[in-house]
Amino acid sequence: MPYQTLYMDEEEPKRAVPYITYVLLTALFVIQLYLNFIPSAIALELFETYSLIPARLFDGVMLDSVLTYIFLHGSWAHLAVNCVALYGAGAPVENEIGHIRFAIGFLVSGVFAGVAHSFLNPSSSVPLIGSSGAIFGIIAILFLLMPFKLTYALVIPLPSVVVGLMLSLVELSALGLPVDLAVAHEAHMSGFIFGCIYAFVLDMKRAVKGLFIAAFVLALMYYVGKFYSLI
């Protein structure tokens, strides 16, 4: 089946407005604004209720927190970083794969990231919040299906294959470092892994091609680094 007919109707414009991305950005902003305006005691209670706490999850309490934690952020800076990445990766991905498939990719990447984090830290009582895992899933789709697409996910415009490799290498490296309780690196990588799987489900041929391109670019980066004694 042709790629275009797989993702969008013939009458749908190729450059459709990425309104799911805009809805998500608006929702994240409104929630953060609300939490900053209400009394701190109530805000803290909401954070405790809707953040993802692995130990509580395995006790069967607040199972919906595997979804609600995605929409909470610890600070405006945390939110700003995620919003930049979401817009930079989300708009091109949504335009390419369609609104419904994009929404599924975002939400399921976030859920998968939260569940994976919980299984890796089953006794943890540290709350997990933030949409990073969901966004890493979207970046992975962009990385495999549109490797040469310029993205502002890291503020500076870079090809998505470079962004995907940089982020995955940083997160994999962080997993081997002493535990950083402030950043759930395994959740980020889990979201990225699900996004890669989802990309293969959406379009196997393009994902395989994107994987080969990523392998070539990674090898090139390695040899350039070796040549200039950077690694």
C-alpha atoms as a PDB file:
ATOM      1  CA  MET A   1       0.000   0.000   0.000  1.00  0.00           C
ATOM      2  CA  PRO A   2       1.476   3.439  -0.860  1.00  0.00           C
ATOM      3  CA  TYR A   3       2.759   5.375   2.106  1.00  0.00           C
ATOM      4  CA  GLN A   4       0.512   8.362   1.469  1.00  0.00           C
ATOM      5  CA  THR A   5      -2.677   6.309   1.403  1.00  0.00           C
ATOM      6  CA  LEU A   6      -1.617   4.573   4.618  1.00  0.00           C
ATOM      7  CA  TYR A   7      -1.449   7.769   6.633  1.00  0.00           C
ATOM      8  CA  MET A   8      -3.892  10.256   5.196  1.00  0.00           C
ATOM      9  CA  ASP A   9      -6.895  10.571   2.972  1.00  0.00           C
ATOM     10  CA  GLU A  10      -6.230  11.833  -0.553  1.00  0.00           C
ATOM     11  CA  GLU A  11      -8.335  14.911   0.136  1.00  0.00           C
ATOM     12  CA  GLU A  12      -6.440  15.776   3.335  1.00  0.00           C
ATOM     13  CA  PRO A  13      -3.798  18.444   2.771  1.00  0.00           C
ATOM     14  CA  LYS A  14      -0.248  17.256   3.359  1.00  0.00           C
ATOM     15  CA  ARG A  15       0.496  20.251   5.565  1.00  0.00           C
ATOM     16  CA  ALA A  16      -2.474  19.911   7.891  1.00  0.00           C
ATOM     17  CA  VAL A  17      -2.496  21.959  11.085  1.00  0.00           C
ATOM     18  CA  PRO A  18      -0.972  19.847  13.914  1.00  0.00           C
ATOM     19  CA  TYR A  19      -3.849  20.602  16.253  1.00  0.00           C
ATOM     20  CA  ILE A  20      -3.205  17.633  18.574  1.00  0.00           C
ATOM     21  CA  THR A  21       0.248  19.072  19.251  1.00  0.00           C
ATOM     22  CA  TYR A  22      -1.330  22.460  19.961  1.00  0.00           C
ATOM     23  CA  VAL A  23      -3.963  20.878  22.240  1.00  0.00           C
ATOM     24  CA  LEU A  24      -1.266  19.052  24.202  1.00  0.00           C
ATOM     25  CA  LEU A  25       0.850  22.195  24.551  1.00  0.00           C
ATOM     26  CA  THR A  26      -2.169  24.173  25.725  1.00  0.00           C
ATOM     27  CA  ALA A  27      -3.187  21.476  28.208  1.00  0.00           C
ATOM     28  CA  LEU A  28       0.321  21.314  29.693  1.00  0.00           C
ATOM     29  CA  PHE A  29       0.461  25.099  30.051  1.00  0.00           C
ATOM     30  CA  VAL A  30      -3.025  25.419  31.570  1.00  0.00           C
ATOM     31  CA  ILE A  31      -2.371  22.639  34.100  1.00  0.00           C
ATOM     32  CA  GLN A  32       0.920  24.200  35.180  1.00  0.00           C
ATOM     33  CA  LEU A  33      -0.708  27.626  35.440  1.00  0.00           C
ATOM     34  CA  TYR A  34      -3.547  26.193  37.538  1.00  0.00           C
ATOM     35  CA  LEU A  35      -1.155  24.418  39.910  1.00  0.00           C
ATOM     36  CA  ASN A  36       0.768  27.659  40.417  1.00  0.00           C
ATOM     37  CA  PHE A  37      -2.344  29.697  41.246  1.00  0.00           C
ATOM     38  CA  ILE A  38      -4.007  27.389  43.753  1.00  0.00           C
ATOM     39  CA  PRO A  39      -2.812  27.125  47.380  1.00  0.00           C
ATOM     40  CA  SER A  40       0.439  25.192  47.658  1.00  0.00           C
ATOM     41  CA  ALA A  41      -1.095  22.611  49.999  1.00  0.00           C
ATOM     42  CA  ILE A  42      -3.757  21.727  47.416  1.00  0.00           C
ATOM     43  CA  ALA A  43      -1.193  21.704  44.610  1.00  0.00           C
ATOM     44  CA  LEU A  44       0.994  19.312  46.615  1.00  0.00           C
ATOM     45  CA  GLU A  45      -1.985  17.045  47.214  1.00  0.00           C
ATOM     46  CA  LEU A  46      -2.742  16.975  43.483  1.00  0.00           C
ATOM     47  CA  PHE A  47       0.890  16.160  42.697  1.00  0.00           C
ATOM     48  CA  GLU A  48       0.840  13.321  45.220  1.00  0.00           C
ATOM     49  CA  THR A  49      -2.422  12.005  43.811  1.00  0.00           C
ATOM     50  CA  TYR A  50      -1.706  12.127  40.092  1.00  0.00           C
ATOM     51  CA  SER A  51       2.060  11.557  39.880  1.00  0.00           C
ATOM     52  CA  LEU A  52       3.289   8.035  39.184  1.00  0.00           C
ATOM     53  CA  ILE A  53       4.684   6.310  42.270  1.00  0.00           C
ATOM     54  CA  PRO A  54       5.879   2.768  41.408  1.00  0.00           C
ATOM     55  CA  ALA A  55       5.326   1.297  44.877  1.00  0.00           C
ATOM     56  CA  ARG A  56       1.771   2.594  44.944  1.00  0.00           C
ATOM     57  CA  LEU A  57       1.120   1.409  41.396  1.00  0.00           C
ATOM     58  CA  PHE A  58       2.029  -2.184  42.285  1.00  0.00           C
ATOM     59  CA  ASP A  59      -0.286  -1.974  45.265  1.00  0.00           C
ATOM     60  CA  GLY A  60      -3.105  -1.349  42.791  1.00  0.00           C
ATOM     61  CA  VAL A  61      -3.617   2.261  43.889  1.00  0.00           C
ATOM     62  CA  MET A  62      -4.193   5.091  41.385  1.00  0.00           C
ATOM     63  CA  LEU A  63      -3.626   2.967  38.283  1.00  0.00           C
ATOM     64  CA  ASP A  64      -4.620   5.932  36.125  1.00  0.00           C
ATOM     65  CA  SER A  65      -1.434   7.681  37.254  1.00  0.00           C
ATOM     66  CA  VAL A  66       0.411   5.907  34.395  1.00  0.00           C
ATOM     67  CA  LEU A  67      -1.368   8.475  32.204  1.00  0.00           C
ATOM     68  CA  THR A  68      -1.930  11.481  34.460  1.00  0.00           C
ATOM     69  CA  TYR A  69       1.748  11.835  35.422  1.00  0.00           C
ATOM     70  CA  ILE A  70       2.513  12.866  31.822  1.00  0.00           C
ATOM     71  CA  PHE A  71       0.684  16.168  32.298  1.00  0.00           C
ATOM     72  CA  LEU A  72       2.438  17.279  35.501  1.00  0.00           C
ATOM     73  CA  HIS A  73       5.724  19.213  35.645  1.00  0.00           C
ATOM     74  CA  GLY A  74       7.883  20.224  38.561  1.00  0.00           C
ATOM     75  CA  SER A  75       8.621  23.764  37.385  1.00  0.00           C
ATOM     76  CA  TRP A  76       8.148  26.229  34.553  1.00  0.00           C
ATOM     77  CA  ALA A  77      11.658  25.433  33.333  1.00  0.00           C
ATOM     78  CA  HIS A  78      10.815  21.721  33.211  1.00  0.00           C
ATOM     79  CA  LEU A  79       7.657  22.537  31.281  1.00  0.00           C
ATOM     80  CA  ALA A  80       9.435  24.917  28.884  1.00  0.00           C
ATOM     81  CA  VAL A  81      12.062  22.338  27.911  1.00  0.00           C
ATOM     82  CA  ASN A  82       9.412  19.727  27.238  1.00  0.00           C
ATOM     83  CA  CYS A  83       7.187  22.124  25.303  1.00  0.00           C
ATOM     84  CA  VAL A  84      10.043  23.133  23.000  1.00  0.00           C
ATOM     85  CA  ALA A  85      10.845  19.473  22.346  1.00  0.00           C
ATOM     86  CA  LEU A  86       7.175  18.568  21.888  1.00  0.00           C
ATOM     87  CA  TYR A  87       6.573  21.305  19.346  1.00  0.00           C
ATOM     88  CA  GLY A  88       9.866  20.711  17.540  1.00  0.00           C
ATOM     89  CA  ALA A  89       9.199  16.994  17.083  1.00  0.00           C
ATOM     90  CA  GLY A  90       5.425  16.838  17.391  1.00  0.00           C
ATOM     91  CA  ALA A  91       4.386  19.184  14.580  1.00  0.00           C
ATOM     92  CA  PRO A  92       6.295  17.385  11.779  1.00  0.00           C
ATOM     93  CA  VAL A  93       5.378  13.927  13.074  1.00  0.00           C
ATOM     94  CA  GLU A  94       1.688  14.766  13.359  1.00  0.00           C
ATOM     95  CA  ASN A  95       1.680  16.253   9.854  1.00  0.00           C
ATOM     96  CA  GLU A  96       3.319  13.089   8.543  1.00  0.00           C
ATOM     97  CA  ILE A  97       1.397  10.281  10.280  1.00  0.00           C
ATOM     98  CA  GLY A  98      -1.932  11.972  11.011  1.00  0.00           C
ATOM     99  CA  HIS A  99      -3.686  13.243  14.125  1.00  0.00           C
ATOM    100  CA  ILE A 100      -5.026   9.980  15.580  1.00  0.00           C
ATOM    101  CA  ARG A 101      -1.824   7.996  15.096  1.00  0.00           C
ATOM    102  CA  PHE A 102       0.147  10.863  16.595  1.00  0.00           C
ATOM    103  CA  ALA A 103      -2.082  11.029  19.682  1.00  0.00           C
ATOM    104  CA  ILE A 104      -1.762   7.261  20.140  1.00  0.00           C
ATOM    105  CA  GLY A 105       2.014   7.450  19.763  1.00  0.00           C
ATOM    106  CA  PHE A 106       2.334  10.248  22.324  1.00  0.00           C
ATOM    107  CA  LEU A 107       0.059   8.766  24.974  1.00  0.00           C
ATOM    108  CA  VAL A 108       1.184   5.150  24.674  1.00  0.00           C
ATOM    109  CA  SER A 109       4.861   6.172  24.668  1.00  0.00           C
ATOM    110  CA  GLY A 110       4.215   8.011  27.921  1.00  0.00           C
ATOM    111  CA  VAL A 111       2.328   5.097  29.469  1.00  0.00           C
ATOM    112  CA  PHE A 112       4.998   2.621  28.336  1.00  0.00           C
ATOM    113  CA  ALA A 113       7.728   4.846  29.787  1.00  0.00           C
ATOM    114  CA  GLY A 114       5.921   5.067  33.118  1.00  0.00           C
ATOM    115  CA  VAL A 115       5.224   1.333  33.348  1.00  0.00           C
ATOM    116  CA  ALA A 116       8.811   0.452  32.376  1.00  0.00           C
ATOM    117  CA  HIS A 117      10.149   2.873  34.999  1.00  0.00           C
ATOM    118  CA  SER A 118       7.880   1.268  37.600  1.00  0.00           C
ATOM    119  CA  PHE A 119       8.987  -2.275  36.753  1.00  0.00           C
ATOM    120  CA  LEU A 120      12.634  -1.214  37.008  1.00  0.00           C
ATOM    121  CA  ASN A 121      11.985   0.551  40.333  1.00  0.00           C
ATOM    122  CA  PRO A 122       9.116  -1.447  41.883  1.00  0.00           C
ATOM    123  CA  SER A 123       9.727  -0.356  45.479  1.00  0.00           C
ATOM    124  CA  SER A 124      10.378   3.325  44.714  1.00  0.00           C
ATOM    125  CA  SER A 125       8.238   5.919  46.450  1.00  0.00           C
ATOM    126  CA  VAL A 126       9.753   8.778  44.419  1.00  0.00           C
ATOM    127  CA  PRO A 127       7.027  10.420  42.248  1.00  0.00           C
ATOM    128  CA  LEU A 128       7.526  10.409  38.483  1.00  0.00           C
ATOM    129  CA  ILE A 129       6.131  13.400  36.573  1.00  0.00           C
ATOM    130  CA  GLY A 130       6.604  14.965  33.164  1.00  0.00           C
ATOM    131  CA  SER A 131       5.927  14.321  29.496  1.00  0.00           C
ATOM    132  CA  SER A 132       9.551  13.518  28.603  1.00  0.00           C
ATOM    133  CA  GLY A 133       8.914   9.802  28.046  1.00  0.00           C
ATOM    134  CA  ALA A 134       6.009  10.564  25.712  1.00  0.00           C
ATOM    135  CA  ILE A 135       8.083  13.156  23.829  1.00  0.00           C
ATOM    136  CA  PHE A 136      11.012  10.759  23.465  1.00  0.00           C
ATOM    137  CA  GLY A 137       8.581   8.396  21.740  1.00  0.00           C
ATOM    138  CA  ILE A 138       7.638  11.098  19.245  1.00  0.00           C
ATOM    139  CA  ILE A 139      11.303  11.954  18.661  1.00  0.00           C
ATOM    140  CA  ALA A 140      11.955   8.266  17.922  1.00  0.00           C
ATOM    141  CA  ILE A 141       9.230   8.247  15.258  1.00  0.00           C
ATOM    142  CA  LEU A 142      10.738  11.354  13.688  1.00  0.00           C
ATOM    143  CA  PHE A 143      14.203   9.809  13.975  1.00  0.00           C
ATOM    144  CA  LEU A 144      13.280   6.663  12.009  1.00  0.00           C
ATOM    145  CA  LEU A 145      10.640   7.829   9.540  1.00  0.00           C
ATOM    146  CA  MET A 146      12.109  11.256   8.690  1.00  0.00           C
ATOM    147  CA  PRO A 147      15.833  11.061   9.524  1.00  0.00           C
ATOM    148  CA  PHE A 148      16.826  14.139   7.509  1.00  0.00           C
ATOM    149  CA  LYS A 149      13.927  16.326   8.658  1.00  0.00           C
ATOM    150  CA  LEU A 150      15.186  19.433  10.448  1.00  0.00           C
ATOM    151  CA  THR A 151      13.762  19.703  13.944  1.00  0.00           C
ATOM    152  CA  TYR A 152      13.949  22.320  16.684  1.00  0.00           C
ATOM    153  CA  ALA A 153      13.492  19.710  19.428  1.00  0.00           C
ATOM    154  CA  LEU A 154      16.884  20.789  20.866  1.00  0.00           C
ATOM    155  CA  VAL A 155      16.270  24.489  20.003  1.00  0.00           C
ATOM    156  CA  ILE A 156      19.053  24.498  17.383  1.00  0.00           C
ATOM    157  CA  PRO A 157      17.799  23.138  14.022  1.00  0.00           C
ATOM    158  CA  LEU A 158      19.355  19.720  13.437  1.00  0.00           C
ATOM    159  CA  PRO A 159      18.467  16.659  11.317  1.00  0.00           C
ATOM    160  CA  SER A 160      16.275  14.346  13.365  1.00  0.00           C
ATOM    161  CA  VAL A 161      18.728  11.465  12.943  1.00  0.00           C
ATOM    162  CA  VAL A 162      21.370  13.542  14.751  1.00  0.00           C
ATOM    163  CA  VAL A 163      18.918  14.558  17.477  1.00  0.00           C
ATOM    164  CA  GLY A 164      17.785  10.963  17.995  1.00  0.00           C
ATOM    165  CA  LEU A 165      21.344   9.657  18.201  1.00  0.00           C
ATOM    166  CA  MET A 166      22.482  12.422  20.533  1.00  0.00           C
ATOM    167  CA  LEU A 167      19.586  11.963  22.937  1.00  0.00           C
ATOM    168  CA  SER A 168      19.733   8.167  22.971  1.00  0.00           C
ATOM    169  CA  LEU A 169      23.512   8.177  23.526  1.00  0.00           C
ATOM    170  CA  VAL A 170      23.198  10.694  26.361  1.00  0.00           C
ATOM    171  CA  GLU A 171      20.412   8.718  28.030  1.00  0.00           C
ATOM    172  CA  LEU A 172      22.212   5.378  27.634  1.00  0.00           C
ATOM    173  CA  SER A 173      25.372   6.905  29.101  1.00  0.00           C
ATOM    174  CA  ALA A 174      23.386   8.338  32.012  1.00  0.00           C
ATOM    175  CA  LEU A 175      22.039   4.885  32.860  1.00  0.00           C
ATOM    176  CA  GLY A 176      25.575   3.791  33.762  1.00  0.00           C
ATOM    177  CA  LEU A 177      26.203   6.770  36.032  1.00  0.00           C
ATOM    178  CA  PRO A 178      25.275   7.064  39.725  1.00  0.00           C
ATOM    179  CA  VAL A 179      21.532   7.314  40.243  1.00  0.00           C
ATOM    180  CA  ASP A 180      20.110  10.767  39.588  1.00  0.00           C
ATOM    181  CA  LEU A 181      16.793  10.890  41.420  1.00  0.00           C
ATOM    182  CA  ALA A 182      15.821  14.097  39.609  1.00  0.00           C
ATOM    183  CA  VAL A 183      15.840  12.517  36.132  1.00  0.00           C
ATOM    184  CA  ALA A 184      14.246   9.187  35.176  1.00  0.00           C
ATOM    185  CA  HIS A 185      16.604   8.257  32.332  1.00  0.00           C
ATOM    186  CA  GLU A 186      15.152   4.762  32.020  1.00  0.00           C
ATOM    187  CA  ALA A 187      11.708   6.291  31.427  1.00  0.00           C
ATOM    188  CA  HIS A 188      13.140   8.454  28.650  1.00  0.00           C
ATOM    189  CA  MET A 189      14.780   5.467  26.961  1.00  0.00           C
ATOM    190  CA  SER A 190      11.653   3.351  27.383  1.00  0.00           C
ATOM    191  CA  GLY A 191       9.580   5.994  25.645  1.00  0.00           C
ATOM    192  CA  PHE A 192      12.165   6.180  22.871  1.00  0.00           C
ATOM    193  CA  ILE A 193      12.146   2.381  22.456  1.00  0.00           C
ATOM    194  CA  PHE A 194       8.363   2.290  22.189  1.00  0.00           C
ATOM    195  CA  GLY A 195       8.469   5.117  19.644  1.00  0.00           C
ATOM    196  CA  CYS A 196      10.905   3.083  17.537  1.00  0.00           C
ATOM    197  CA  ILE A 197       8.619   0.037  17.708  1.00  0.00           C
ATOM    198  CA  TYR A 198       5.629   2.188  16.772  1.00  0.00           C
ATOM    199  CA  ALA A 199       7.543   3.602  13.789  1.00  0.00           C
ATOM    200  CA  PHE A 200       8.094   0.054  12.508  1.00  0.00           C
ATOM    201  CA  VAL A 201       4.366  -0.664  12.924  1.00  0.00           C
ATOM    202  CA  LEU A 202       3.472   2.489  10.987  1.00  0.00           C
ATOM    203  CA  ASP A 203       5.853   1.918   8.085  1.00  0.00           C
ATOM    204  CA  MET A 204       8.275  -1.008   8.200  1.00  0.00           C
ATOM    205  CA  LYS A 205      10.218  -0.102   5.046  1.00  0.00           C
ATOM    206  CA  ARG A 206      10.839   3.513   6.006  1.00  0.00           C
ATOM    207  CA  ALA A 207      11.754   2.551   9.574  1.00  0.00           C
ATOM    208  CA  VAL A 208      14.299  -0.012   8.352  1.00  0.00           C
ATOM    209  CA  LYS A 209      15.739   2.599   5.989  1.00  0.00           C
ATOM    210  CA  GLY A 210      15.877   5.095   8.850  1.00  0.00           C
ATOM    211  CA  LEU A 211      17.664   2.534  11.015  1.00  0.00           C
ATOM    212  CA  PHE A 212      20.342   1.975   8.377  1.00  0.00           C
ATOM    213  CA  ILE A 213      20.780   5.745   7.986  1.00  0.00           C
ATOM    214  CA  ALA A 214      21.144   6.086  11.763  1.00  0.00           C
ATOM    215  CA  ALA A 215      23.770   3.303  11.828  1.00  0.00           C
ATOM    216  CA  PHE A 216      25.726   5.029   9.050  1.00  0.00           C
ATOM    217  CA  VAL A 217      25.558   8.438  10.751  1.00  0.00           C
ATOM    218  CA  LEU A 218      26.575   6.886  14.081  1.00  0.00           C
ATOM    219  CA  ALA A 219      29.598   5.219  12.467  1.00  0.00           C
ATOM    220  CA  LEU A 220      30.499   8.510  10.775  1.00  0.00           C
ATOM    221  CA  MET A 221      30.241  10.385  14.083  1.00  0.00           C
ATOM    222  CA  TYR A 222      32.431   7.763  15.729  1.00  0.00           C
ATOM    223  CA  TYR A 223      35.170   7.913  13.112  1.00  0.00           C
ATOM    224  CA  VAL A 224      35.144  11.726  13.030  1.00  0.00           C
ATOM    225  CA  GLY A 225      35.433  11.730  16.820  1.00  0.00           C
ATOM    226  CA  LYS A 226      38.323   9.273  16.679  1.00  0.00           C
ATOM    227  CA  PHE A 227      40.071  11.212  13.929  1.00  0.00           C
ATOM    228  CA  TYR A 228      39.948  14.458  15.906  1.00  0.00           C
ATOM    229  CA  SER A 229      40.650  12.664  19.226  1.00  0.00           C
ATOM    230  CA  LEU A 230      37.285  13.717  20.616  1.00  0.00           C
ATOM    231  CA  ILE A 231      36.471  10.261  21.954  1.00  0.00           C
END
